[in-house]
């Protein structure tokens, strides 16, 4: 057997497709169970704090002008949290394929993490507890705390800030907007959004480490 044929006995890294690469990185991260021990505070339990959060949601609900102004974004972000990020930095799968992989990695890796913590706290959605809350869209079939949209969008903001540090402030403004839109939609309390953001800040360094090779490739698209 020739040396060339011997070399091809291994499946070279460049032949891995995007989904497989993302899944591999996610597996690396999830194998380390230390992330499950991340300290997260209990959601608010005192009546005055809960009432303040409900009053805030009701104020948003009855602010018809601003709520309607957010409707397009709320609808767009139901199934994808990244459109604003891509439009802001003008990247696509054609122009920045590895960067798009990174965005996908943040979303996909974020799912099992956020569901783990949602299951731990099992917080009811606002509209389940208070009939006055009228969600703009269907209520997701999982608990409220922490907010998955907040967690995933802030992971994306951290990741893209690594690629384009000059856009860091704008990236986190977009992430905050994505999280707040879920409050305007009547799906989340403010504390859900805040803890999603905090969890992303705590776990991003470890997640980045699991995707270190992909991050290096993605960064080369921005030089």
N, C-alpha and C. Protein backbone atom coordinates (compact mmCIF):
# COMPACT_ATOMS: atom_id res chain seq x y z
N UNK A 1 0.85 -1.20 0.00
CA UNK A 1 0.00 0.00 0.00
C UNK A 1 0.88 1.25 0.00
N UNK A 2 0.58 2.20 -0.87
CA UNK A 2 1.38 3.41 -0.97
C UNK A 2 1.17 4.32 0.23
N UNK A 3 2.14 5.24 0.42
CA UNK A 3 2.02 6.19 1.53
C UNK A 3 0.77 7.06 1.38
N UNK A 4 0.44 7.40 0.13
CA UNK A 4 -0.75 8.22 -0.11
C UNK A 4 -2.01 7.51 0.35
N UNK A 5 -2.08 6.20 0.03
CA UNK A 5 -3.25 5.43 0.45
C UNK A 5 -3.28 5.27 1.97
N UNK A 6 -2.11 5.09 2.57
CA UNK A 6 -2.04 4.96 4.03
C UNK A 6 -2.57 6.23 4.70
N UNK A 7 -2.22 7.38 4.12
CA UNK A 7 -2.67 8.66 4.70
C UNK A 7 -4.17 8.79 4.66
N UNK A 8 -4.79 8.20 3.65
CA UNK A 8 -6.24 8.33 3.50
C UNK A 8 -7.01 7.32 4.34
N UNK A 9 -6.29 6.49 5.10
CA UNK A 9 -7.00 5.54 5.97
C UNK A 9 -7.67 6.29 7.12
N UNK A 10 -7.23 7.50 7.41
CA UNK A 10 -7.85 8.30 8.45
C UNK A 10 -8.76 9.34 7.80
N UNK A 11 -9.87 9.62 8.48
CA UNK A 11 -10.81 10.62 7.98
C UNK A 11 -10.29 11.99 8.39
N UNK A 12 -9.77 12.72 7.45
CA UNK A 12 -9.11 13.97 7.77
C UNK A 12 -10.10 15.03 8.25
N UNK A 13 -9.61 15.89 9.13
CA UNK A 13 -10.47 16.86 9.79
C UNK A 13 -11.22 17.75 8.79
N UNK A 14 -10.59 18.10 7.69
CA UNK A 14 -11.24 19.02 6.75
C UNK A 14 -12.47 18.42 6.09
N UNK A 15 -12.64 17.10 6.20
CA UNK A 15 -13.80 16.46 5.59
C UNK A 15 -15.02 16.43 6.51
N UNK A 16 -14.84 16.77 7.76
CA UNK A 16 -15.98 16.81 8.68
C UNK A 16 -16.94 17.91 8.23
N UNK A 17 -18.23 17.60 8.23
CA UNK A 17 -19.18 18.66 7.88
C UNK A 17 -19.49 19.50 9.12
N UNK A 18 -20.17 20.62 8.89
CA UNK A 18 -20.39 21.60 9.96
C UNK A 18 -21.16 21.01 11.13
N UNK A 19 -22.22 20.27 10.84
CA UNK A 19 -23.03 19.70 11.92
C UNK A 19 -22.22 18.74 12.77
N UNK A 20 -21.37 17.93 12.12
CA UNK A 20 -20.56 16.97 12.86
C UNK A 20 -19.54 17.67 13.74
N UNK A 21 -18.93 18.73 13.23
CA UNK A 21 -17.95 19.48 14.01
C UNK A 21 -18.59 20.12 15.24
N UNK A 22 -19.77 20.70 15.04
CA UNK A 22 -20.47 21.32 16.15
C UNK A 22 -20.86 20.27 17.19
N UNK A 23 -21.36 19.14 16.74
CA UNK A 23 -21.77 18.08 17.66
C UNK A 23 -20.58 17.57 18.45
N UNK A 24 -19.43 17.45 17.81
CA UNK A 24 -18.23 16.98 18.50
C UNK A 24 -17.82 17.96 19.59
N UNK A 25 -17.82 19.25 19.27
CA UNK A 25 -17.47 20.25 20.28
C UNK A 25 -18.44 20.24 21.44
N UNK A 26 -19.73 20.12 21.14
CA UNK A 26 -20.73 20.06 22.20
C UNK A 26 -20.49 18.85 23.10
N UNK A 27 -20.16 17.71 22.49
CA UNK A 27 -19.89 16.50 23.26
C UNK A 27 -18.71 16.70 24.19
N UNK A 28 -17.67 17.35 23.69
CA UNK A 28 -16.51 17.62 24.53
C UNK A 28 -16.89 18.45 25.76
N UNK A 29 -17.72 19.45 25.52
CA UNK A 29 -18.12 20.30 26.65
C UNK A 29 -18.98 19.54 27.64
N UNK A 30 -19.98 18.82 27.15
CA UNK A 30 -20.93 18.15 28.03
C UNK A 30 -20.29 17.01 28.82
N UNK A 31 -19.19 16.45 28.30
CA UNK A 31 -18.51 15.36 29.01
C UNK A 31 -17.98 15.81 30.36
N UNK A 32 -17.68 17.10 30.45
CA UNK A 32 -17.20 17.66 31.71
C UNK A 32 -18.40 18.10 32.54
N UNK A 33 -18.77 17.30 33.50
CA UNK A 33 -20.01 17.56 34.26
C UNK A 33 -19.88 18.72 35.23
N UNK A 34 -18.71 19.35 35.30
CA UNK A 34 -18.52 20.44 36.26
C UNK A 34 -19.49 21.59 36.00
N UNK A 35 -19.90 21.77 34.74
CA UNK A 35 -20.81 22.87 34.43
C UNK A 35 -22.14 22.73 35.16
N UNK A 36 -22.50 21.50 35.51
CA UNK A 36 -23.76 21.27 36.22
C UNK A 36 -23.73 21.84 37.64
N UNK A 37 -22.53 22.08 38.14
CA UNK A 37 -22.38 22.60 39.49
C UNK A 37 -22.33 24.13 39.53
N UNK A 38 -22.55 24.75 38.38
CA UNK A 38 -22.55 26.21 38.34
C UNK A 38 -23.61 26.75 39.31
N UNK A 39 -23.20 27.70 40.13
CA UNK A 39 -24.12 28.26 41.12
C UNK A 39 -25.08 29.24 40.46
N UNK A 40 -26.35 28.95 40.59
CA UNK A 40 -27.40 29.82 40.08
C UNK A 40 -28.36 30.11 41.22
N UNK A 41 -28.69 31.37 41.46
CA UNK A 41 -29.61 31.68 42.55
C UNK A 41 -31.02 31.19 42.25
N UNK A 42 -31.78 30.94 43.28
CA UNK A 42 -33.19 30.61 43.11
C UNK A 42 -33.91 31.78 42.45
N UNK A 43 -34.91 31.51 41.63
CA UNK A 43 -35.72 32.62 41.12
C UNK A 43 -36.43 33.31 42.28
N UNK A 44 -36.84 34.55 42.10
CA UNK A 44 -37.49 35.28 43.20
C UNK A 44 -38.67 34.51 43.80
N UNK A 45 -38.76 34.54 45.10
CA UNK A 45 -39.84 33.85 45.80
C UNK A 45 -40.66 34.79 46.70
N UNK A 46 -40.11 35.97 46.98
CA UNK A 46 -40.84 36.89 47.86
C UNK A 46 -41.94 37.59 47.07
N UNK A 47 -43.05 37.79 47.73
CA UNK A 47 -44.26 38.31 47.06
C UNK A 47 -44.03 39.68 46.44
N UNK A 48 -43.29 40.55 47.14
CA UNK A 48 -43.11 41.91 46.61
C UNK A 48 -42.26 41.93 45.35
N UNK A 49 -41.24 41.08 45.30
CA UNK A 49 -40.38 41.03 44.11
C UNK A 49 -41.15 40.44 42.93
N UNK A 50 -41.89 39.37 43.18
CA UNK A 50 -42.68 38.74 42.11
C UNK A 50 -43.72 39.73 41.59
N UNK A 51 -44.37 40.45 42.50
CA UNK A 51 -45.38 41.42 42.08
C UNK A 51 -44.76 42.53 41.24
N UNK A 52 -43.55 42.94 41.60
CA UNK A 52 -42.87 43.98 40.83
C UNK A 52 -42.58 43.49 39.41
N UNK A 53 -42.19 42.23 39.28
CA UNK A 53 -41.93 41.67 37.95
C UNK A 53 -43.22 41.57 37.14
N UNK A 54 -44.30 41.18 37.79
CA UNK A 54 -45.59 41.09 37.09
C UNK A 54 -46.05 42.48 36.66
N UNK A 55 -45.90 43.45 37.54
CA UNK A 55 -46.29 44.83 37.19
C UNK A 55 -45.51 45.32 35.98
N UNK A 56 -44.24 44.94 35.92
CA UNK A 56 -43.41 45.34 34.78
C UNK A 56 -43.91 44.69 33.48
N UNK A 57 -44.27 43.41 33.56
CA UNK A 57 -44.79 42.72 32.38
C UNK A 57 -46.12 43.33 31.93
N UNK A 58 -46.97 43.66 32.87
CA UNK A 58 -48.25 44.26 32.53
C UNK A 58 -48.05 45.64 31.90
N UNK A 59 -47.07 46.39 32.41
CA UNK A 59 -46.79 47.70 31.83
C UNK A 59 -46.34 47.55 30.37
N UNK A 60 -45.54 46.54 30.10
CA UNK A 60 -45.12 46.28 28.73
C UNK A 60 -46.33 45.86 27.88
N UNK A 61 -47.18 45.03 28.45
CA UNK A 61 -48.34 44.53 27.71
C UNK A 61 -49.27 45.65 27.29
N UNK A 62 -49.46 46.63 28.16
CA UNK A 62 -50.39 47.71 27.87
C UNK A 62 -49.74 48.90 27.16
N UNK A 63 -48.44 48.79 26.93
CA UNK A 63 -47.75 49.80 26.13
C UNK A 63 -47.85 49.35 24.67
N UNK A 64 -49.01 49.54 24.09
CA UNK A 64 -49.32 48.96 22.78
C UNK A 64 -48.37 49.43 21.68
N UNK A 65 -47.98 50.69 21.72
CA UNK A 65 -47.12 51.22 20.66
C UNK A 65 -45.77 50.52 20.63
N UNK A 66 -45.11 50.48 21.78
CA UNK A 66 -43.78 49.87 21.83
C UNK A 66 -43.86 48.36 21.65
N UNK A 67 -44.92 47.74 22.15
CA UNK A 67 -45.06 46.29 21.99
C UNK A 67 -45.23 45.93 20.52
N UNK A 68 -46.04 46.70 19.83
CA UNK A 68 -46.24 46.44 18.40
C UNK A 68 -44.97 46.68 17.61
N UNK A 69 -44.18 47.66 18.04
CA UNK A 69 -42.93 47.96 17.35
C UNK A 69 -41.96 46.79 17.44
N UNK A 70 -42.11 45.96 18.47
CA UNK A 70 -41.23 44.80 18.66
C UNK A 70 -41.79 43.53 18.03
N UNK A 71 -42.99 43.59 17.52
CA UNK A 71 -43.65 42.37 17.05
C UNK A 71 -42.83 41.64 15.97
N UNK A 72 -42.31 42.38 15.01
CA UNK A 72 -41.56 41.73 13.93
C UNK A 72 -40.37 40.95 14.49
N UNK A 73 -39.61 41.58 15.38
CA UNK A 73 -38.45 40.90 15.96
C UNK A 73 -38.87 39.71 16.80
N UNK A 74 -39.93 39.86 17.57
CA UNK A 74 -40.42 38.76 18.40
C UNK A 74 -40.78 37.56 17.54
N UNK A 75 -41.45 37.81 16.44
CA UNK A 75 -41.84 36.72 15.55
C UNK A 75 -40.61 36.09 14.89
N UNK A 76 -39.67 36.91 14.48
CA UNK A 76 -38.46 36.41 13.81
C UNK A 76 -37.61 35.57 14.76
N UNK A 77 -37.59 35.96 16.02
CA UNK A 77 -36.72 35.30 16.99
C UNK A 77 -37.36 34.08 17.66
N UNK A 78 -38.56 33.73 17.23
CA UNK A 78 -39.20 32.55 17.82
C UNK A 78 -38.35 31.31 17.64
N UNK A 79 -37.75 31.15 16.46
CA UNK A 79 -37.02 29.93 16.14
C UNK A 79 -35.54 30.16 15.86
N UNK A 80 -35.12 31.42 15.78
CA UNK A 80 -33.70 31.70 15.53
C UNK A 80 -33.32 32.98 16.25
N UNK A 81 -32.26 32.91 17.06
CA UNK A 81 -31.88 34.09 17.84
C UNK A 81 -30.80 34.92 17.16
N UNK A 82 -30.30 34.48 16.00
CA UNK A 82 -29.11 35.12 15.43
C UNK A 82 -29.30 36.10 14.27
N UNK A 83 -30.49 36.30 13.69
CA UNK A 83 -30.58 37.17 12.50
C UNK A 83 -29.99 38.56 12.67
N UNK A 84 -30.25 39.21 13.80
CA UNK A 84 -29.74 40.57 14.00
C UNK A 84 -28.22 40.60 14.05
N UNK A 85 -27.63 39.58 14.67
CA UNK A 85 -26.17 39.53 14.73
C UNK A 85 -25.57 39.45 13.33
N UNK A 86 -26.16 38.60 12.50
CA UNK A 86 -25.64 38.41 11.14
C UNK A 86 -25.81 39.67 10.31
N UNK A 87 -26.96 40.32 10.47
CA UNK A 87 -27.18 41.54 9.69
C UNK A 87 -26.24 42.66 10.14
N UNK A 88 -25.98 42.72 11.43
CA UNK A 88 -25.13 43.78 11.95
C UNK A 88 -23.70 43.64 11.45
N UNK A 89 -23.15 42.43 11.50
CA UNK A 89 -21.75 42.22 11.11
C UNK A 89 -21.60 41.81 9.64
N UNK A 90 -22.71 41.71 8.92
CA UNK A 90 -22.68 41.42 7.48
C UNK A 90 -21.93 40.13 7.17
N UNK A 91 -22.28 39.05 7.89
CA UNK A 91 -21.66 37.77 7.55
C UNK A 91 -22.73 36.73 7.25
N UNK A 92 -22.32 35.72 6.49
CA UNK A 92 -23.23 34.66 6.08
C UNK A 92 -22.44 33.37 5.94
N UNK A 93 -23.13 32.29 5.65
CA UNK A 93 -22.45 31.01 5.45
C UNK A 93 -21.52 31.07 4.25
N UNK A 94 -21.82 31.93 3.29
CA UNK A 94 -20.97 32.06 2.11
C UNK A 94 -19.71 32.88 2.42
N UNK A 95 -19.87 33.95 3.18
CA UNK A 95 -18.73 34.84 3.44
C UNK A 95 -17.88 34.41 4.63
N UNK A 96 -18.54 33.85 5.67
CA UNK A 96 -17.84 33.47 6.91
C UNK A 96 -18.38 32.12 7.40
N UNK A 97 -18.06 31.04 6.72
CA UNK A 97 -18.63 29.74 7.08
C UNK A 97 -18.30 29.27 8.49
N UNK A 98 -17.05 29.49 8.92
CA UNK A 98 -16.67 29.03 10.27
C UNK A 98 -17.33 29.88 11.35
N UNK A 99 -17.51 31.16 11.08
CA UNK A 99 -18.20 32.02 12.04
C UNK A 99 -19.65 31.57 12.19
N UNK A 100 -20.28 31.21 11.09
CA UNK A 100 -21.65 30.69 11.17
C UNK A 100 -21.70 29.38 11.96
N UNK A 101 -20.65 28.56 11.82
CA UNK A 101 -20.58 27.34 12.63
C UNK A 101 -20.51 27.67 14.11
N UNK A 102 -19.75 28.71 14.44
CA UNK A 102 -19.63 29.13 15.84
C UNK A 102 -20.99 29.55 16.38
N UNK A 103 -21.73 30.34 15.60
CA UNK A 103 -23.06 30.77 16.03
C UNK A 103 -23.95 29.55 16.26
N UNK A 104 -23.92 28.61 15.32
CA UNK A 104 -24.70 27.38 15.48
C UNK A 104 -24.26 26.62 16.71
N UNK A 105 -22.96 26.58 16.96
CA UNK A 105 -22.44 25.87 18.13
C UNK A 105 -22.95 26.48 19.43
N UNK A 106 -23.03 27.80 19.49
CA UNK A 106 -23.52 28.45 20.70
C UNK A 106 -25.00 28.11 20.95
N UNK A 107 -25.77 28.06 19.88
CA UNK A 107 -27.19 27.76 20.00
C UNK A 107 -27.41 26.30 20.39
N UNK A 108 -26.75 25.39 19.67
CA UNK A 108 -26.98 23.96 19.90
C UNK A 108 -26.42 23.52 21.25
N UNK A 109 -25.22 23.98 21.58
CA UNK A 109 -24.63 23.61 22.88
C UNK A 109 -25.44 24.22 24.02
N UNK A 110 -26.03 25.38 23.76
CA UNK A 110 -26.82 26.01 24.81
C UNK A 110 -28.08 25.26 25.19
N UNK A 111 -28.62 24.47 24.26
CA UNK A 111 -29.90 23.80 24.53
C UNK A 111 -29.86 22.82 25.69
N UNK A 112 -28.99 21.80 25.68
CA UNK A 112 -28.99 20.87 26.82
C UNK A 112 -28.63 21.55 28.13
N UNK A 113 -27.78 22.57 28.05
CA UNK A 113 -27.39 23.28 29.28
C UNK A 113 -28.60 23.98 29.88
N UNK A 114 -29.31 24.75 29.05
CA UNK A 114 -30.42 25.54 29.58
C UNK A 114 -31.57 24.65 30.04
N UNK A 115 -31.80 23.53 29.34
CA UNK A 115 -32.86 22.64 29.77
C UNK A 115 -32.51 21.96 31.09
N UNK A 116 -31.24 21.70 31.30
CA UNK A 116 -30.81 21.12 32.58
C UNK A 116 -31.18 22.06 33.73
N UNK A 117 -30.88 23.34 33.57
CA UNK A 117 -31.16 24.29 34.65
C UNK A 117 -32.65 24.62 34.74
N UNK A 118 -33.34 24.66 33.61
CA UNK A 118 -34.78 24.86 33.66
C UNK A 118 -35.45 23.74 34.47
N UNK A 119 -34.98 22.52 34.25
CA UNK A 119 -35.55 21.38 34.98
C UNK A 119 -35.24 21.49 36.46
N UNK A 120 -34.06 22.01 36.79
CA UNK A 120 -33.68 22.13 38.20
C UNK A 120 -34.63 23.08 38.94
N UNK A 121 -34.98 24.20 38.31
CA UNK A 121 -35.78 25.22 39.00
C UNK A 121 -37.27 25.12 38.69
N UNK A 122 -37.61 24.67 37.49
CA UNK A 122 -39.01 24.37 37.14
C UNK A 122 -39.96 25.54 37.41
N UNK A 123 -39.56 26.72 37.03
CA UNK A 123 -40.37 27.91 37.28
C UNK A 123 -41.49 28.03 36.27
N UNK A 124 -42.70 28.24 36.75
CA UNK A 124 -43.86 28.40 35.86
C UNK A 124 -43.74 29.68 35.03
N UNK A 125 -44.33 29.65 33.86
CA UNK A 125 -44.36 30.84 33.01
C UNK A 125 -45.30 31.89 33.62
N UNK A 126 -45.03 33.17 33.36
CA UNK A 126 -45.87 34.22 33.94
C UNK A 126 -47.37 34.02 33.70
N UNK A 127 -47.73 33.64 32.47
CA UNK A 127 -49.15 33.51 32.14
C UNK A 127 -49.80 32.31 32.83
N UNK A 128 -49.01 31.37 33.32
CA UNK A 128 -49.57 30.24 34.07
C UNK A 128 -50.00 30.68 35.45
N UNK A 129 -49.32 31.68 35.97
CA UNK A 129 -49.58 32.12 37.35
C UNK A 129 -50.50 33.34 37.41
N UNK A 130 -50.51 34.13 36.35
CA UNK A 130 -51.27 35.37 36.38
C UNK A 130 -52.07 35.50 35.09
N UNK A 131 -53.38 35.38 35.20
CA UNK A 131 -54.25 35.36 34.03
C UNK A 131 -54.22 36.68 33.25
N UNK A 132 -53.78 37.76 33.91
CA UNK A 132 -53.74 39.05 33.22
C UNK A 132 -52.67 39.09 32.12
N UNK A 133 -51.67 38.23 32.24
CA UNK A 133 -50.59 38.20 31.25
C UNK A 133 -51.08 37.50 29.99
N UNK A 134 -51.00 38.20 28.87
CA UNK A 134 -51.46 37.66 27.59
C UNK A 134 -50.29 37.57 26.62
N UNK A 135 -49.68 36.41 26.48
CA UNK A 135 -48.53 36.26 25.58
C UNK A 135 -48.88 36.59 24.13
N UNK A 136 -47.92 37.14 23.42
CA UNK A 136 -48.12 37.48 22.01
C UNK A 136 -48.02 36.25 21.12
N UNK A 137 -47.28 35.24 21.57
CA UNK A 137 -47.06 34.02 20.79
C UNK A 137 -47.29 32.82 21.70
N UNK A 138 -47.26 31.62 21.12
CA UNK A 138 -47.45 30.42 21.91
C UNK A 138 -46.39 30.31 22.99
N UNK A 139 -46.81 29.88 24.16
CA UNK A 139 -45.89 29.72 25.28
C UNK A 139 -45.09 28.42 25.09
N UNK A 140 -43.76 28.48 25.15
CA UNK A 140 -42.95 27.27 24.97
C UNK A 140 -43.29 26.20 26.01
N UNK A 141 -43.10 24.95 25.62
CA UNK A 141 -43.45 23.83 26.50
C UNK A 141 -42.33 23.42 27.43
N UNK A 142 -41.74 24.40 28.11
CA UNK A 142 -40.71 24.12 29.12
C UNK A 142 -40.66 25.31 30.08
N UNK A 143 -40.04 25.13 31.25
CA UNK A 143 -40.06 26.17 32.29
C UNK A 143 -39.39 27.48 31.87
N UNK A 144 -39.60 28.49 32.70
CA UNK A 144 -39.18 29.85 32.35
C UNK A 144 -37.75 30.19 32.74
N UNK A 145 -37.24 29.61 33.81
CA UNK A 145 -35.98 30.10 34.42
C UNK A 145 -34.86 29.09 34.31
N UNK A 146 -33.73 29.52 33.77
CA UNK A 146 -33.39 30.81 33.16
C UNK A 146 -33.91 30.88 31.72
N UNK A 147 -33.84 32.06 31.13
CA UNK A 147 -34.30 32.23 29.76
C UNK A 147 -33.30 31.64 28.77
N UNK A 148 -33.78 30.73 27.92
CA UNK A 148 -32.93 30.14 26.90
C UNK A 148 -32.52 31.15 25.83
N UNK A 149 -33.45 32.01 25.42
CA UNK A 149 -33.12 33.03 24.42
C UNK A 149 -32.04 33.97 24.95
N UNK A 150 -32.15 34.33 26.22
CA UNK A 150 -31.13 35.20 26.81
C UNK A 150 -29.79 34.49 26.87
N UNK A 151 -29.80 33.25 27.31
CA UNK A 151 -28.56 32.47 27.42
C UNK A 151 -27.88 32.30 26.07
N UNK A 152 -28.64 31.85 25.07
CA UNK A 152 -28.05 31.59 23.76
C UNK A 152 -27.60 32.87 23.07
N UNK A 153 -28.40 33.93 23.16
CA UNK A 153 -28.01 35.17 22.48
C UNK A 153 -26.78 35.79 23.14
N UNK A 154 -26.65 35.64 24.45
CA UNK A 154 -25.45 36.18 25.11
C UNK A 154 -24.23 35.32 24.83
N UNK A 155 -24.41 34.01 24.67
CA UNK A 155 -23.29 33.19 24.22
C UNK A 155 -22.81 33.65 22.84
N UNK A 156 -23.76 33.93 21.94
CA UNK A 156 -23.40 34.41 20.61
C UNK A 156 -22.67 35.74 20.71
N UNK A 157 -23.14 36.62 21.58
CA UNK A 157 -22.48 37.92 21.74
C UNK A 157 -21.04 37.75 22.22
N UNK A 158 -20.83 36.85 23.17
CA UNK A 158 -19.46 36.58 23.63
C UNK A 158 -18.61 36.06 22.48
N UNK A 159 -19.16 35.11 21.73
CA UNK A 159 -18.40 34.48 20.64
C UNK A 159 -18.04 35.49 19.55
N UNK A 160 -19.01 36.29 19.12
CA UNK A 160 -18.75 37.25 18.04
C UNK A 160 -17.85 38.38 18.51
N UNK A 161 -17.89 38.70 19.80
CA UNK A 161 -16.97 39.71 20.33
C UNK A 161 -15.53 39.21 20.26
N UNK A 162 -15.37 37.90 20.31
CA UNK A 162 -14.05 37.29 20.16
C UNK A 162 -13.53 37.48 18.73
N UNK A 163 -14.45 37.45 17.77
CA UNK A 163 -14.08 37.63 16.35
C UNK A 163 -13.92 39.11 16.01
N UNK A 164 -14.84 39.92 16.48
CA UNK A 164 -14.88 41.34 16.11
C UNK A 164 -14.97 42.18 17.39
N UNK A 165 -13.86 42.32 18.12
CA UNK A 165 -13.90 43.00 19.42
C UNK A 165 -14.41 44.44 19.37
N UNK A 166 -14.23 45.12 18.24
CA UNK A 166 -14.71 46.50 18.15
C UNK A 166 -16.23 46.57 18.16
N UNK A 167 -16.89 45.45 17.87
CA UNK A 167 -18.36 45.42 17.84
C UNK A 167 -18.94 44.86 19.13
N UNK A 168 -18.10 44.68 20.14
CA UNK A 168 -18.55 44.02 21.38
C UNK A 168 -19.78 44.69 21.99
N UNK A 169 -19.74 45.99 22.14
CA UNK A 169 -20.86 46.70 22.77
C UNK A 169 -22.15 46.47 22.00
N UNK A 170 -22.08 46.52 20.68
CA UNK A 170 -23.27 46.32 19.86
C UNK A 170 -23.76 44.88 19.95
N UNK A 171 -22.84 43.92 20.02
CA UNK A 171 -23.24 42.51 20.12
C UNK A 171 -24.05 42.27 21.40
N UNK A 172 -23.60 42.85 22.49
CA UNK A 172 -24.31 42.64 23.75
C UNK A 172 -25.61 43.45 23.81
N UNK A 173 -25.67 44.55 23.07
CA UNK A 173 -26.94 45.29 22.97
C UNK A 173 -27.97 44.45 22.22
N UNK A 174 -27.53 43.74 21.19
CA UNK A 174 -28.44 42.86 20.45
C UNK A 174 -28.91 41.73 21.35
N UNK A 175 -27.98 41.13 22.09
CA UNK A 175 -28.35 40.03 22.99
C UNK A 175 -29.37 40.49 24.02
N UNK A 176 -29.17 41.68 24.57
CA UNK A 176 -30.12 42.22 25.55
C UNK A 176 -31.48 42.43 24.91
N UNK A 177 -31.50 42.89 23.67
CA UNK A 177 -32.76 43.11 22.96
C UNK A 177 -33.50 41.80 22.73
N UNK A 178 -32.77 40.75 22.34
CA UNK A 178 -33.40 39.45 22.13
C UNK A 178 -34.03 38.96 23.43
N UNK A 179 -33.30 39.11 24.52
CA UNK A 179 -33.83 38.67 25.83
C UNK A 179 -35.06 39.49 26.22
N UNK A 180 -34.98 40.80 26.07
CA UNK A 180 -36.09 41.68 26.45
C UNK A 180 -37.32 41.44 25.60
N UNK A 181 -37.12 41.08 24.35
CA UNK A 181 -38.28 40.81 23.49
C UNK A 181 -39.13 39.66 24.04
N UNK A 182 -38.49 38.72 24.70
CA UNK A 182 -39.26 37.61 25.29
C UNK A 182 -40.08 38.10 26.49
N UNK A 183 -39.61 39.14 27.13
CA UNK A 183 -40.41 39.74 28.20
C UNK A 183 -41.58 40.52 27.59
N UNK A 184 -41.31 41.29 26.56
CA UNK A 184 -42.38 42.04 25.89
C UNK A 184 -43.43 41.09 25.32
N UNK A 185 -43.00 39.88 24.95
CA UNK A 185 -43.95 38.89 24.43
C UNK A 185 -44.76 38.23 25.53
N UNK A 186 -44.42 38.49 26.80
CA UNK A 186 -45.16 37.92 27.92
C UNK A 186 -44.73 36.51 28.30
N UNK A 187 -43.50 36.11 27.89
CA UNK A 187 -43.06 34.74 28.12
C UNK A 187 -42.11 34.61 29.30
N UNK A 188 -41.45 35.72 29.66
CA UNK A 188 -40.40 35.65 30.68
C UNK A 188 -40.48 36.82 31.65
N UNK A 189 -40.08 36.55 32.88
CA UNK A 189 -39.83 37.61 33.86
C UNK A 189 -38.45 38.21 33.59
N UNK A 190 -38.22 39.41 34.11
CA UNK A 190 -36.90 40.03 33.98
C UNK A 190 -35.81 39.14 34.59
N UNK A 191 -36.10 38.51 35.72
CA UNK A 191 -35.09 37.68 36.37
C UNK A 191 -34.71 36.47 35.53
N UNK A 192 -35.63 35.98 34.70
CA UNK A 192 -35.29 34.89 33.77
C UNK A 192 -34.21 35.36 32.80
N UNK A 193 -34.42 36.56 32.26
CA UNK A 193 -33.47 37.11 31.29
C UNK A 193 -32.12 37.38 31.93
N UNK A 194 -32.14 37.95 33.13
CA UNK A 194 -30.90 38.29 33.82
C UNK A 194 -30.06 37.05 34.09
N UNK A 195 -30.70 35.97 34.53
CA UNK A 195 -29.92 34.78 34.85
C UNK A 195 -29.45 34.07 33.60
N UNK A 196 -30.19 34.15 32.50
CA UNK A 196 -29.69 33.63 31.24
C UNK A 196 -28.41 34.33 30.83
N UNK A 197 -28.40 35.65 30.99
CA UNK A 197 -27.19 36.44 30.68
C UNK A 197 -26.04 36.06 31.60
N UNK A 198 -26.31 35.96 32.90
CA UNK A 198 -25.26 35.64 33.86
C UNK A 198 -24.68 34.25 33.62
N UNK A 199 -25.54 33.30 33.28
CA UNK A 199 -25.08 31.94 33.04
C UNK A 199 -24.17 31.89 31.81
N UNK A 200 -24.52 32.64 30.78
CA UNK A 200 -23.68 32.70 29.58
C UNK A 200 -22.30 33.26 29.93
N UNK A 201 -22.27 34.28 30.76
CA UNK A 201 -20.99 34.88 31.16
C UNK A 201 -20.13 33.87 31.92
N UNK A 202 -20.74 33.07 32.77
CA UNK A 202 -19.98 32.10 33.56
C UNK A 202 -19.46 30.95 32.70
N UNK A 203 -20.27 30.47 31.78
CA UNK A 203 -19.93 29.24 31.06
C UNK A 203 -19.22 29.46 29.73
N UNK A 204 -19.25 30.68 29.20
CA UNK A 204 -18.65 30.88 27.88
C UNK A 204 -17.19 30.46 27.82
N UNK A 205 -16.34 30.80 28.78
CA UNK A 205 -14.93 30.39 28.64
C UNK A 205 -14.75 28.89 28.47
N UNK A 206 -15.54 28.09 29.20
CA UNK A 206 -15.43 26.64 29.07
C UNK A 206 -15.98 26.17 27.72
N UNK A 207 -17.05 26.78 27.27
CA UNK A 207 -17.62 26.41 25.97
C UNK A 207 -16.63 26.77 24.87
N UNK A 208 -16.04 27.93 24.98
CA UNK A 208 -15.06 28.34 23.97
C UNK A 208 -13.91 27.35 23.91
N UNK A 209 -13.45 26.91 25.06
CA UNK A 209 -12.35 25.95 25.11
C UNK A 209 -12.69 24.67 24.37
N UNK A 210 -13.95 24.22 24.49
CA UNK A 210 -14.37 22.99 23.81
C UNK A 210 -14.37 23.15 22.30
N UNK A 211 -14.47 24.40 21.83
CA UNK A 211 -14.49 24.68 20.40
C UNK A 211 -13.25 25.47 19.98
N UNK A 212 -12.16 25.31 20.69
CA UNK A 212 -10.98 26.15 20.46
C UNK A 212 -10.48 26.10 19.02
N UNK A 213 -10.45 24.92 18.43
CA UNK A 213 -9.97 24.78 17.06
C UNK A 213 -10.87 25.54 16.09
N UNK A 214 -12.17 25.41 16.28
CA UNK A 214 -13.12 26.09 15.41
C UNK A 214 -13.04 27.60 15.59
N UNK A 215 -12.82 28.06 16.82
CA UNK A 215 -12.68 29.50 17.06
C UNK A 215 -11.47 30.06 16.32
N UNK A 216 -10.37 29.32 16.35
CA UNK A 216 -9.18 29.79 15.65
C UNK A 216 -9.44 29.90 14.15
N UNK A 217 -10.14 28.95 13.59
CA UNK A 217 -10.45 28.99 12.16
C UNK A 217 -11.39 30.16 11.86
N UNK A 218 -12.36 30.37 12.74
CA UNK A 218 -13.32 31.45 12.53
C UNK A 218 -12.65 32.82 12.62
N UNK A 219 -11.73 32.96 13.55
CA UNK A 219 -11.06 34.25 13.72
C UNK A 219 -10.28 34.64 12.47
N UNK A 220 -9.80 33.65 11.74
CA UNK A 220 -9.03 33.95 10.53
C UNK A 220 -9.91 34.57 9.45
N UNK A 221 -11.23 34.44 9.58
CA UNK A 221 -12.14 35.04 8.60
C UNK A 221 -12.31 36.54 8.81
N UNK A 222 -11.79 37.06 9.92
CA UNK A 222 -11.99 38.47 10.26
C UNK A 222 -10.71 39.29 10.18
N UNK A 223 -9.65 38.70 9.65
CA UNK A 223 -8.40 39.44 9.55
C UNK A 223 -8.23 39.98 8.11
